[in-house]
Amino acid sequence: MRTDGVMARSANRVWGLMGADGARESGLTALMYTSIANFAVDAVLAVSLAGTLFFSAAEAESRTSVAAYLLVTIAPFALLAPLIGPALDRIRTGRRFALSLTFAGRVILAAVLLQNFGSWMLYPAALGMLVLSKSYGVLKSSVTPRVAPAELDLVRANARLTIAGHIGGSLVAGGLAAAIAYLIDPQAALWLLMVVALSGIYGCALIPSSAERGSDEVTVSPFIPDEPPVDTATRRGAAAGTVVSRWRRSIRVRFPDAARTCMWATALQRCGTGFMTIYIAFVAKSSAHLAAFDQLTMLAAVGAAGGVGTFAGNALGSRIRFARPQAAVLVLGAVSLGAVACAAVWDGTVTAAVATAVLSLGSAMSKVCLDAAIQSGLAPSAQASAFGISETSLQLSWVFGGTLGILLPPELTVGMAVLGLVGTVMYVNVIAAARGVGLGALIGRARSSR
């Protein structure tokens, strides 16, 4: 009876927290259910494929096998990612249906994986899972501003979605999948994935109609300067123009400099976390001098450091008010580059874990700063588009970092040195955005000053 009472009180507390600040009435709680389901699907998939997708490529002595892994899984998404965001951003109605399709597609792909767990079909199915997961992230980012309650700002709304996903999805579902994989086999965990994905479809049905794109929404761009609105007659007369020209004329709002700065700073951090996620697996499995237990220890230490950093970053970011988000992301980027430099100089599991924790912490807090900059710098009618575009850029940055992790030789000092060099170039771009210019313009100014 005491156990039942404790469980009932805990359940009531969780239920109350998920619906606090008017989240249940606005539809944010329903979106939270789908976010938990998305995190859970990703966690279960990682557990299921841990012995096949990652480590089969990492253990392979032939560079051809690694190149095939890159070509079939990550490289195609690098081409698809720039198209996903703009395509989903233009969906005026049917956002809830599109969200449900990302889960329905993963149910089908899970069935494919169950039938082809040991064949080459594993790779395209895993690619499909990755694309659908990232597509959900873009759609969720564009839906959040329309279902966030008035009592809750977008920064805390996004942080609440992320924290709920990590706890309910990555932690709980991932742990359950690990238990199934240990007691039965990794393939059996795919049945759990199908159940979670089906629950995600049901969660999408609970999202209110306010999530759909309204007639007042406009499209934004972080890449081109402000242009005055073009009237209908001018637009009709210029219909014969190039595709690029028509696309430029469709833009109504440009990202403020603060939002651009935060977006590129977060992209730097996401590149680092994507790199560490992939690269450490290669380093651990290719280290002949390490025993199996030591390899597992390295993977567990770095993975745990990344999880702790992400959770701490979201928890802190949801409680800290960033009055100057540009200054905050510049500091976070400098600290992350410092941690990467230390890991390049002092080789070891400890420094790699610290660098991963700092990158994950910086990624989460920079994303909070980005949310704050979008909320304060853009009108509500442009925020949904801004979140969709920024999320696409961040996903592509993660893929770029993961691609680097596959291409580089599995020597920790070399990999961290290259990551530090790439991060420095990206950090210069962050500084350029903070000064209101592009990277090319900043380089031109430096040349002219000489």
Protein backbone atom coordinates (compact mmCIF):
# COMPACT_ATOMS: atom_id res chain seq x y z
CA MET A 1 0.00 0.00 0.00
CA ARG A 2 2.86 2.40 0.78
CA THR A 3 4.45 1.60 -2.61
CA ASP A 4 1.15 2.21 -4.39
CA GLY A 5 0.77 5.51 -2.55
CA VAL A 6 4.27 6.69 -3.47
CA MET A 7 3.75 5.72 -7.10
CA ALA A 8 0.38 7.44 -7.24
CA ARG A 9 1.78 10.65 -5.74
CA SER A 10 4.72 10.56 -8.14
CA ALA A 11 2.41 10.05 -11.10
CA ASN A 12 0.19 12.92 -10.00
CA ARG A 13 3.21 15.18 -9.60
CA VAL A 14 4.51 14.33 -13.07
CA TRP A 15 1.03 14.86 -14.52
CA GLY A 16 0.83 18.24 -12.82
CA LEU A 17 4.27 19.35 -13.99
CA MET A 18 3.54 18.40 -17.60
CA GLY A 19 0.39 20.52 -17.58
CA ALA A 20 1.72 23.43 -15.52
CA ASP A 21 1.40 27.06 -16.67
CA GLY A 22 -1.51 26.26 -18.98
CA ALA A 23 0.48 23.78 -21.07
CA ARG A 24 -2.32 21.21 -21.16
CA GLU A 25 -4.92 23.70 -22.35
CA SER A 26 -2.67 25.21 -25.03
CA GLY A 27 -1.55 21.88 -26.47
CA LEU A 28 2.08 22.00 -25.31
CA THR A 29 1.55 18.89 -23.18
CA ALA A 30 0.35 16.96 -26.23
CA LEU A 31 3.45 18.10 -28.13
CA MET A 32 5.48 17.00 -25.10
CA TYR A 33 4.12 13.47 -25.51
CA THR A 34 5.36 13.38 -29.10
CA SER A 35 8.74 14.78 -28.06
CA ILE A 36 9.12 12.01 -25.49
CA ALA A 37 8.16 9.46 -28.15
CA ASN A 38 10.72 10.88 -30.58
CA PHE A 39 13.53 10.76 -28.03
CA ALA A 40 12.45 7.25 -27.09
CA VAL A 41 12.50 6.02 -30.70
CA ASP A 42 16.01 7.40 -31.17
CA ALA A 43 17.23 5.81 -27.93
CA VAL A 44 15.71 2.41 -28.69
CA LEU A 45 17.12 2.48 -32.22
CA ALA A 46 20.60 3.26 -30.88
CA VAL A 47 20.39 0.33 -28.45
CA SER A 48 19.13 -2.02 -31.16
CA LEU A 49 21.84 -1.15 -33.67
CA ALA A 50 24.71 -0.69 -31.21
CA GLY A 51 26.20 -4.04 -32.15
CA THR A 52 25.61 -3.73 -35.87
CA LEU A 53 25.47 -0.27 -37.39
CA PHE A 54 28.06 1.60 -35.33
CA PHE A 55 30.53 -1.02 -34.37
CA SER A 56 30.52 -3.13 -37.51
CA ALA A 57 31.87 -0.12 -39.35
CA ALA A 58 34.16 0.86 -36.49
CA GLU A 59 35.72 -2.60 -36.23
CA ALA A 60 36.26 -2.95 -39.95
CA GLU A 61 39.91 -2.84 -40.92
CA SER A 62 39.10 -1.78 -44.49
CA ARG A 63 38.61 1.90 -45.16
CA THR A 64 36.18 0.84 -47.89
CA SER A 65 33.73 -0.46 -45.28
CA VAL A 66 33.89 2.83 -43.39
CA ALA A 67 33.38 4.78 -46.63
CA ALA A 68 30.35 2.64 -47.46
CA TYR A 69 28.91 3.32 -44.01
CA LEU A 70 29.39 7.05 -44.55
CA LEU A 71 27.97 6.98 -48.07
CA VAL A 72 24.82 5.06 -47.18
CA THR A 73 23.94 6.53 -43.80
CA ILE A 74 25.23 10.02 -43.11
CA ALA A 75 26.28 11.54 -46.45
CA PRO A 76 22.78 11.32 -48.00
CA PHE A 77 21.26 13.17 -45.05
CA ALA A 78 23.81 15.94 -45.55
CA LEU A 79 22.18 16.43 -48.96
CA LEU A 80 18.61 16.03 -47.70
CA ALA A 81 18.86 18.29 -44.64
CA PRO A 82 18.90 21.61 -46.56
CA LEU A 83 15.71 20.55 -48.34
CA ILE A 84 13.79 19.26 -45.32
CA GLY A 85 13.52 22.57 -43.48
CA PRO A 86 12.25 24.79 -46.32
CA ALA A 87 9.86 22.10 -47.52
CA LEU A 88 8.33 21.56 -44.08
CA ASP A 89 8.41 25.29 -43.38
CA ARG A 90 6.01 25.93 -46.27
CA ILE A 91 3.37 23.53 -44.96
CA ARG A 92 0.40 25.78 -44.22
CA THR A 93 -1.99 23.06 -43.11
CA GLY A 94 -1.31 19.53 -42.07
CA ARG A 95 1.53 20.04 -39.61
CA ARG A 96 -0.03 17.57 -37.21
CA PHE A 97 -0.45 15.09 -40.05
CA ALA A 98 3.17 15.61 -41.09
CA LEU A 99 4.29 15.02 -37.50
CA SER A 100 2.32 11.77 -37.38
CA LEU A 101 3.88 10.68 -40.70
CA THR A 102 7.35 10.90 -39.14
CA PHE A 103 6.26 8.28 -36.61
CA ALA A 104 4.28 6.18 -39.10
CA GLY A 105 7.31 6.01 -41.36
CA ARG A 106 9.41 4.74 -38.48
CA VAL A 107 6.88 2.03 -37.70
CA ILE A 108 7.26 0.78 -41.27
CA LEU A 109 11.05 1.04 -41.16
CA ALA A 110 11.14 -0.84 -37.86
CA ALA A 111 9.24 -3.68 -39.55
CA VAL A 112 11.82 -3.59 -42.35
CA LEU A 113 14.65 -3.76 -39.83
CA LEU A 114 13.05 -6.72 -38.08
CA GLN A 115 13.01 -8.64 -41.36
CA ASN A 116 16.47 -7.53 -42.54
CA PHE A 117 18.46 -7.11 -39.34
CA GLY A 118 21.57 -8.73 -40.75
CA SER A 119 21.43 -7.62 -44.38
CA TRP A 120 22.43 -4.53 -46.37
CA MET A 121 18.87 -3.20 -45.99
CA LEU A 122 19.91 -2.20 -42.49
CA TYR A 123 21.69 0.90 -43.84
CA PRO A 124 18.94 2.55 -45.93
CA ALA A 125 16.43 1.78 -43.18
CA ALA A 126 18.69 3.46 -40.63
CA LEU A 127 19.04 6.45 -42.96
CA GLY A 128 15.26 6.67 -43.19
CA MET A 129 15.01 6.62 -39.41
CA LEU A 130 17.55 9.43 -39.17
CA VAL A 131 15.81 11.59 -41.76
CA LEU A 132 12.40 11.13 -40.13
CA SER A 133 13.80 11.94 -36.70
CA LYS A 134 15.37 15.15 -37.96
CA SER A 135 12.19 16.01 -39.87
CA TYR A 136 10.26 15.70 -36.63
CA GLY A 137 12.70 18.10 -34.98
CA VAL A 138 12.14 20.72 -37.68
CA LEU A 139 8.35 20.36 -37.51
CA LYS A 140 8.32 20.45 -33.72
CA SER A 141 10.33 23.66 -33.72
CA SER A 142 7.81 25.34 -36.03
CA VAL A 143 4.83 24.06 -34.03
CA THR A 144 6.08 25.03 -30.56
CA PRO A 145 5.46 28.81 -30.86
CA ARG A 146 1.83 28.17 -31.81
CA VAL A 147 1.06 25.88 -28.86
CA ALA A 148 3.15 27.55 -26.16
CA PRO A 149 0.85 28.99 -23.46
CA ALA A 150 0.85 32.71 -22.76
CA GLU A 151 2.15 32.06 -19.24
CA LEU A 152 5.25 30.30 -20.60
CA ASP A 153 7.87 31.96 -22.81
CA LEU A 154 9.37 30.06 -25.73
CA VAL A 155 12.69 29.55 -23.97
CA ARG A 156 11.15 27.63 -21.12
CA ALA A 157 8.70 25.87 -23.43
CA ASN A 158 11.53 24.47 -25.57
CA ALA A 159 13.57 23.58 -22.48
CA ARG A 160 10.57 21.76 -21.00
CA LEU A 161 10.12 19.74 -24.20
CA THR A 162 13.79 18.80 -24.28
CA ILE A 163 14.03 17.84 -20.61
CA ALA A 164 10.87 15.74 -20.83
CA GLY A 165 12.27 14.01 -23.92
CA HIS A 166 15.56 13.20 -22.23
CA ILE A 167 13.96 11.86 -19.07
CA GLY A 168 10.94 10.06 -20.46
CA GLY A 169 12.47 9.11 -23.80
CA SER A 170 16.24 8.68 -23.65
CA LEU A 171 16.48 7.59 -20.01
CA VAL A 172 13.35 5.50 -19.43
CA ALA A 173 12.82 4.04 -22.90
CA GLY A 174 16.55 3.67 -23.51
CA GLY A 175 16.96 1.79 -20.24
CA LEU A 176 14.01 -0.47 -21.03
CA ALA A 177 15.44 -1.18 -24.49
CA ALA A 178 18.82 -2.02 -22.94
CA ALA A 179 17.11 -4.48 -20.57
CA ILE A 180 15.29 -6.13 -23.48
CA ALA A 181 18.50 -6.33 -25.49
CA TYR A 182 20.32 -7.91 -22.55
CA LEU A 183 17.59 -10.39 -21.57
CA ILE A 184 16.50 -11.36 -25.08
CA ASP A 185 18.46 -9.81 -27.97
CA PRO A 186 18.96 -6.35 -29.55
CA GLN A 187 16.60 -7.14 -32.41
CA ALA A 188 13.73 -7.68 -29.96
CA ALA A 189 14.02 -4.05 -28.83
CA LEU A 190 12.67 -3.02 -32.25
CA TRP A 191 9.23 -4.21 -31.11
CA LEU A 192 9.43 -1.61 -28.35
CA LEU A 193 10.36 0.96 -31.00
CA MET A 194 7.19 0.13 -32.95
CA VAL A 195 5.04 0.52 -29.84
CA VAL A 196 6.62 3.87 -28.97
CA ALA A 197 6.23 5.14 -32.54
CA LEU A 198 2.56 4.16 -32.53
CA SER A 199 2.09 6.08 -29.28
CA GLY A 200 3.74 9.04 -31.00
CA ILE A 201 1.07 8.92 -33.72
CA TYR A 202 -1.61 9.01 -31.04
CA GLY A 203 0.13 11.96 -29.37
CA CYS A 204 0.07 13.88 -32.68
CA ALA A 205 -3.70 13.40 -32.82
CA LEU A 206 -4.02 15.14 -29.43
CA ILE A 207 -2.31 18.34 -30.63
CA PRO A 208 -4.92 21.10 -31.14
CA SER A 209 -5.60 22.75 -34.48
CA SER A 210 -3.81 25.90 -33.35
CA ALA A 211 -0.57 24.14 -34.34
CA GLU A 212 -1.39 24.63 -38.02
CA ARG A 213 0.22 27.50 -39.88
CA GLY A 214 -1.84 30.67 -39.73
CA SER A 215 -2.45 33.13 -42.54
CA ASP A 216 -0.38 35.74 -40.69
CA GLU A 217 2.84 33.72 -40.71
CA VAL A 218 5.77 34.88 -42.84
CA THR A 219 9.00 33.23 -43.93
CA VAL A 220 12.39 34.34 -42.65
CA SER A 221 15.95 33.90 -43.85
CA PRO A 222 19.27 34.17 -42.02
CA PHE A 223 21.23 34.51 -45.23
CA ILE A 224 20.11 37.59 -47.19
CA PRO A 225 19.68 41.27 -46.28
CA ASP A 226 16.37 42.93 -45.66
CA GLU A 227 14.31 43.64 -48.77
CA PRO A 228 11.16 45.74 -48.97
CA PRO A 229 7.92 43.88 -49.57
CA VAL A 230 7.05 43.35 -53.21
CA ASP A 231 3.47 44.09 -54.22
CA THR A 232 1.35 41.61 -56.13
CA ALA A 233 1.64 43.41 -59.48
CA THR A 234 5.42 43.49 -59.31
CA ARG A 235 5.54 39.85 -58.27
CA ARG A 236 3.31 38.87 -61.19
CA GLY A 237 5.40 40.88 -63.64
CA ALA A 238 8.59 39.25 -62.45
CA ALA A 239 7.27 35.71 -62.75
CA ALA A 240 9.71 35.01 -65.54
CA GLY A 241 12.71 35.62 -63.27
CA THR A 242 15.12 33.00 -62.07
CA VAL A 243 14.24 30.54 -59.33
CA VAL A 244 16.72 32.20 -56.97
CA SER A 245 15.26 35.63 -57.62
CA ARG A 246 11.73 34.45 -56.95
CA TRP A 247 12.89 32.77 -53.75
CA ARG A 248 14.61 35.96 -52.59
CA ARG A 249 11.46 37.98 -53.27
CA SER A 250 9.40 35.52 -51.20
CA ILE A 251 11.41 36.40 -48.09
CA ARG A 252 9.70 38.89 -45.82
CA VAL A 253 11.86 38.99 -42.69
CA ARG A 254 15.57 38.51 -42.03
CA PHE A 255 17.05 37.06 -38.86
CA PRO A 256 18.23 39.76 -36.44
CA ASP A 257 21.98 39.80 -35.85
CA ALA A 258 21.52 38.41 -32.34
CA ALA A 259 19.58 35.41 -33.67
CA ARG A 260 22.14 34.82 -36.43
CA THR A 261 24.96 34.95 -33.91
CA CYS A 262 23.25 32.47 -31.61
CA MET A 263 22.37 30.16 -34.50
CA TRP A 264 25.93 29.92 -35.81
CA ALA A 265 27.27 29.56 -32.26
CA THR A 266 24.87 26.70 -31.59
CA ALA A 267 25.87 25.17 -34.92
CA LEU A 268 29.48 25.18 -33.72
CA GLN A 269 28.49 23.28 -30.58
CA ARG A 270 26.28 20.84 -32.51
CA CYS A 271 29.16 20.12 -34.88
CA GLY A 272 31.27 19.24 -31.87
CA THR A 273 28.66 16.96 -30.29
CA GLY A 274 28.04 15.19 -33.61
CA PHE A 275 31.77 14.65 -33.99
CA MET A 276 32.20 13.22 -30.50
CA THR A 277 29.17 10.95 -30.85
CA ILE A 278 30.61 9.22 -33.90
CA TYR A 279 34.35 9.62 -33.43
CA ILE A 280 34.65 8.16 -29.94
CA ALA A 281 33.06 4.92 -31.14
CA PHE A 282 35.72 4.61 -33.83
CA VAL A 283 38.55 5.47 -31.45
CA ALA A 284 37.40 2.99 -28.82
CA LYS A 285 36.85 0.07 -31.18
CA SER A 286 40.08 0.64 -33.15
CA SER A 287 42.33 0.88 -30.06
CA ALA A 288 44.11 -2.46 -30.16
CA HIS A 289 45.91 -1.79 -26.88
CA LEU A 290 42.60 -1.45 -25.02
CA ALA A 291 40.79 -4.46 -23.63
CA ALA A 292 37.09 -4.90 -24.28
CA PHE A 293 36.25 -3.57 -20.80
CA ASP A 294 38.43 -0.49 -21.35
CA GLN A 295 36.74 0.19 -24.67
CA LEU A 296 33.35 -0.05 -23.01
CA THR A 297 34.55 2.24 -20.23
CA MET A 298 35.62 4.90 -22.74
CA LEU A 299 32.28 4.75 -24.55
CA ALA A 300 30.32 4.81 -21.30
CA ALA A 301 32.33 7.71 -19.84
CA VAL A 302 32.05 9.90 -22.92
CA GLY A 303 28.40 9.00 -23.47
CA ALA A 304 27.49 9.73 -19.86
CA ALA A 305 29.40 13.02 -19.97
CA GLY A 306 27.42 14.06 -23.05
CA GLY A 307 24.13 13.16 -21.43
CA VAL A 308 24.95 14.98 -18.20
CA GLY A 309 26.10 18.05 -20.11
CA THR A 310 22.94 18.17 -22.22
CA PHE A 311 20.62 17.74 -19.25
CA ALA A 312 22.50 20.29 -17.15
CA GLY A 313 22.54 22.78 -20.00
CA ASN A 314 18.79 22.55 -20.53
CA ALA A 315 18.09 22.68 -16.80
CA LEU A 316 20.30 25.74 -16.28
CA GLY A 317 19.16 27.41 -19.48
CA SER A 318 15.52 27.18 -18.49
CA ARG A 319 16.24 29.05 -15.22
CA ILE A 320 18.72 31.68 -16.44
CA ARG A 321 17.54 34.85 -18.13
CA PHE A 322 20.00 35.76 -20.87
CA ALA A 323 19.81 39.54 -21.18
CA ARG A 324 22.65 39.48 -23.73
CA PRO A 325 22.46 36.15 -25.62
CA GLN A 326 25.18 37.21 -28.08
CA ALA A 327 27.75 37.66 -25.33
CA ALA A 328 26.67 34.39 -23.69
CA VAL A 329 27.15 32.26 -26.84
CA LEU A 330 30.52 33.89 -27.55
CA VAL A 331 31.72 32.90 -24.09
CA LEU A 332 30.29 29.39 -24.40
CA GLY A 333 31.96 28.94 -27.78
CA ALA A 334 35.34 30.07 -26.43
CA VAL A 335 35.07 27.70 -23.45
CA SER A 336 34.14 24.78 -25.73
CA LEU A 337 37.10 25.46 -28.02
CA GLY A 338 39.34 25.57 -24.96
CA ALA A 339 38.08 22.17 -23.81
CA VAL A 340 38.67 20.71 -27.28
CA ALA A 341 42.20 22.14 -27.33
CA CYS A 342 42.93 20.54 -23.95
CA ALA A 343 41.70 17.18 -25.24
CA ALA A 344 43.98 17.54 -28.27
CA VAL A 345 47.03 18.28 -26.11
CA TRP A 346 46.36 15.80 -23.30
CA ASP A 347 45.21 12.52 -24.80
CA GLY A 348 42.92 10.39 -22.66
CA THR A 349 39.42 9.33 -21.76
CA VAL A 350 39.09 11.96 -19.03
CA THR A 351 39.87 14.94 -21.27
CA ALA A 352 37.65 13.52 -24.04
CA ALA A 353 34.79 13.13 -21.57
CA VAL A 354 35.29 16.67 -20.25
CA ALA A 355 35.32 18.08 -23.80
CA THR A 356 32.12 16.19 -24.61
CA ALA A 357 30.44 17.44 -21.46
CA VAL A 358 31.44 21.05 -22.18
CA LEU A 359 30.30 20.80 -25.82
CA SER A 360 26.96 19.27 -24.79
CA LEU A 361 26.46 21.88 -22.07
CA GLY A 362 27.34 24.64 -24.51
CA SER A 363 25.04 23.21 -27.17
CA ALA A 364 22.06 23.13 -24.83
CA MET A 365 22.66 26.61 -23.38
CA SER A 366 23.41 28.13 -26.79
CA LYS A 367 20.12 26.70 -28.06
CA VAL A 368 18.35 28.39 -25.16
CA CYS A 369 20.05 31.67 -26.14
CA LEU A 370 18.93 31.13 -29.73
CA ASP A 371 15.35 30.61 -28.58
CA ALA A 372 15.53 33.79 -26.53
CA ALA A 373 16.97 35.77 -29.45
CA ILE A 374 14.27 34.56 -31.84
CA GLN A 375 11.54 35.31 -29.34
CA SER A 376 12.76 38.83 -28.60
CA GLY A 377 13.93 39.78 -32.08
CA LEU A 378 11.15 38.50 -34.33
CA ALA A 379 7.43 39.06 -34.48
CA PRO A 380 5.22 36.11 -33.48
CA SER A 381 4.19 35.68 -37.12
CA ALA A 382 7.82 34.92 -38.08
CA GLN A 383 8.88 32.79 -35.12
CA ALA A 384 7.57 29.45 -36.39
CA SER A 385 9.51 29.82 -39.63
CA ALA A 386 12.62 30.96 -37.74
CA PHE A 387 12.57 27.92 -35.48
CA GLY A 388 12.14 25.59 -38.45
CA ILE A 389 15.04 27.11 -40.40
CA SER A 390 17.36 27.27 -37.40
CA GLU A 391 16.64 23.66 -36.51
CA THR A 392 17.52 22.57 -40.04
CA SER A 393 20.84 24.40 -39.85
CA LEU A 394 21.63 22.80 -36.50
CA GLN A 395 20.80 19.32 -37.73
CA LEU A 396 23.06 19.79 -40.74
CA SER A 397 25.87 20.96 -38.45
CA TRP A 398 25.52 17.80 -36.38
CA VAL A 399 25.73 15.68 -39.52
CA PHE A 400 28.82 17.61 -40.66
CA GLY A 401 30.50 16.89 -37.34
CA GLY A 402 29.55 13.22 -37.52
CA THR A 403 30.95 13.03 -41.05
CA LEU A 404 34.26 14.42 -39.83
CA GLY A 405 34.27 11.76 -37.12
CA ILE A 406 34.10 9.01 -39.74
CA LEU A 407 36.61 10.47 -42.17
CA LEU A 408 39.41 11.22 -39.70
CA PRO A 409 41.89 8.57 -38.51
CA PRO A 410 40.97 7.08 -35.11
CA GLU A 411 43.69 8.90 -33.15
CA LEU A 412 42.25 11.06 -30.43
CA THR A 413 44.83 13.84 -30.58
CA VAL A 414 44.51 14.16 -34.38
CA GLY A 415 40.72 14.17 -34.30
CA MET A 416 40.48 16.74 -31.53
CA ALA A 417 43.06 18.96 -33.25
CA VAL A 418 41.04 18.93 -36.48
CA LEU A 419 37.83 19.59 -34.54
CA GLY A 420 39.53 22.55 -32.85
CA LEU A 421 40.60 23.93 -36.24
CA VAL A 422 37.12 23.55 -37.75
CA GLY A 423 35.58 25.02 -34.60
CA THR A 424 37.88 28.03 -34.79
CA VAL A 425 36.76 28.76 -38.35
CA MET A 426 33.14 28.49 -37.28
CA TYR A 427 33.83 30.72 -34.28
CA VAL A 428 35.16 33.42 -36.61
CA ASN A 429 31.82 33.19 -38.42
CA VAL A 430 30.06 33.67 -35.08
CA ILE A 431 32.11 36.81 -34.45
CA ALA A 432 31.24 38.04 -37.95
CA ALA A 433 27.55 37.52 -37.27
CA ALA A 434 27.86 39.35 -33.94
CA ARG A 435 29.33 42.32 -35.80
CA GLY A 436 26.48 42.27 -38.31
CA VAL A 437 28.50 41.07 -41.30
CA GLY A 438 29.09 37.78 -43.09
CA LEU A 439 32.28 35.76 -42.89
CA GLY A 440 33.33 36.86 -46.38
CA ALA A 441 32.82 40.52 -45.51
CA LEU A 442 34.84 40.10 -42.31
CA ILE A 443 37.75 38.56 -44.25
CA GLY A 444 37.52 41.38 -46.80
CA ARG A 445 37.74 43.97 -44.03
CA ALA A 446 40.80 42.23 -42.59
CA ARG A 447 42.52 42.29 -45.99
CA SER A 448 41.69 45.93 -46.60
CA SER A 449 43.03 46.92 -43.18
CA ARG A 450 46.39 45.41 -44.12
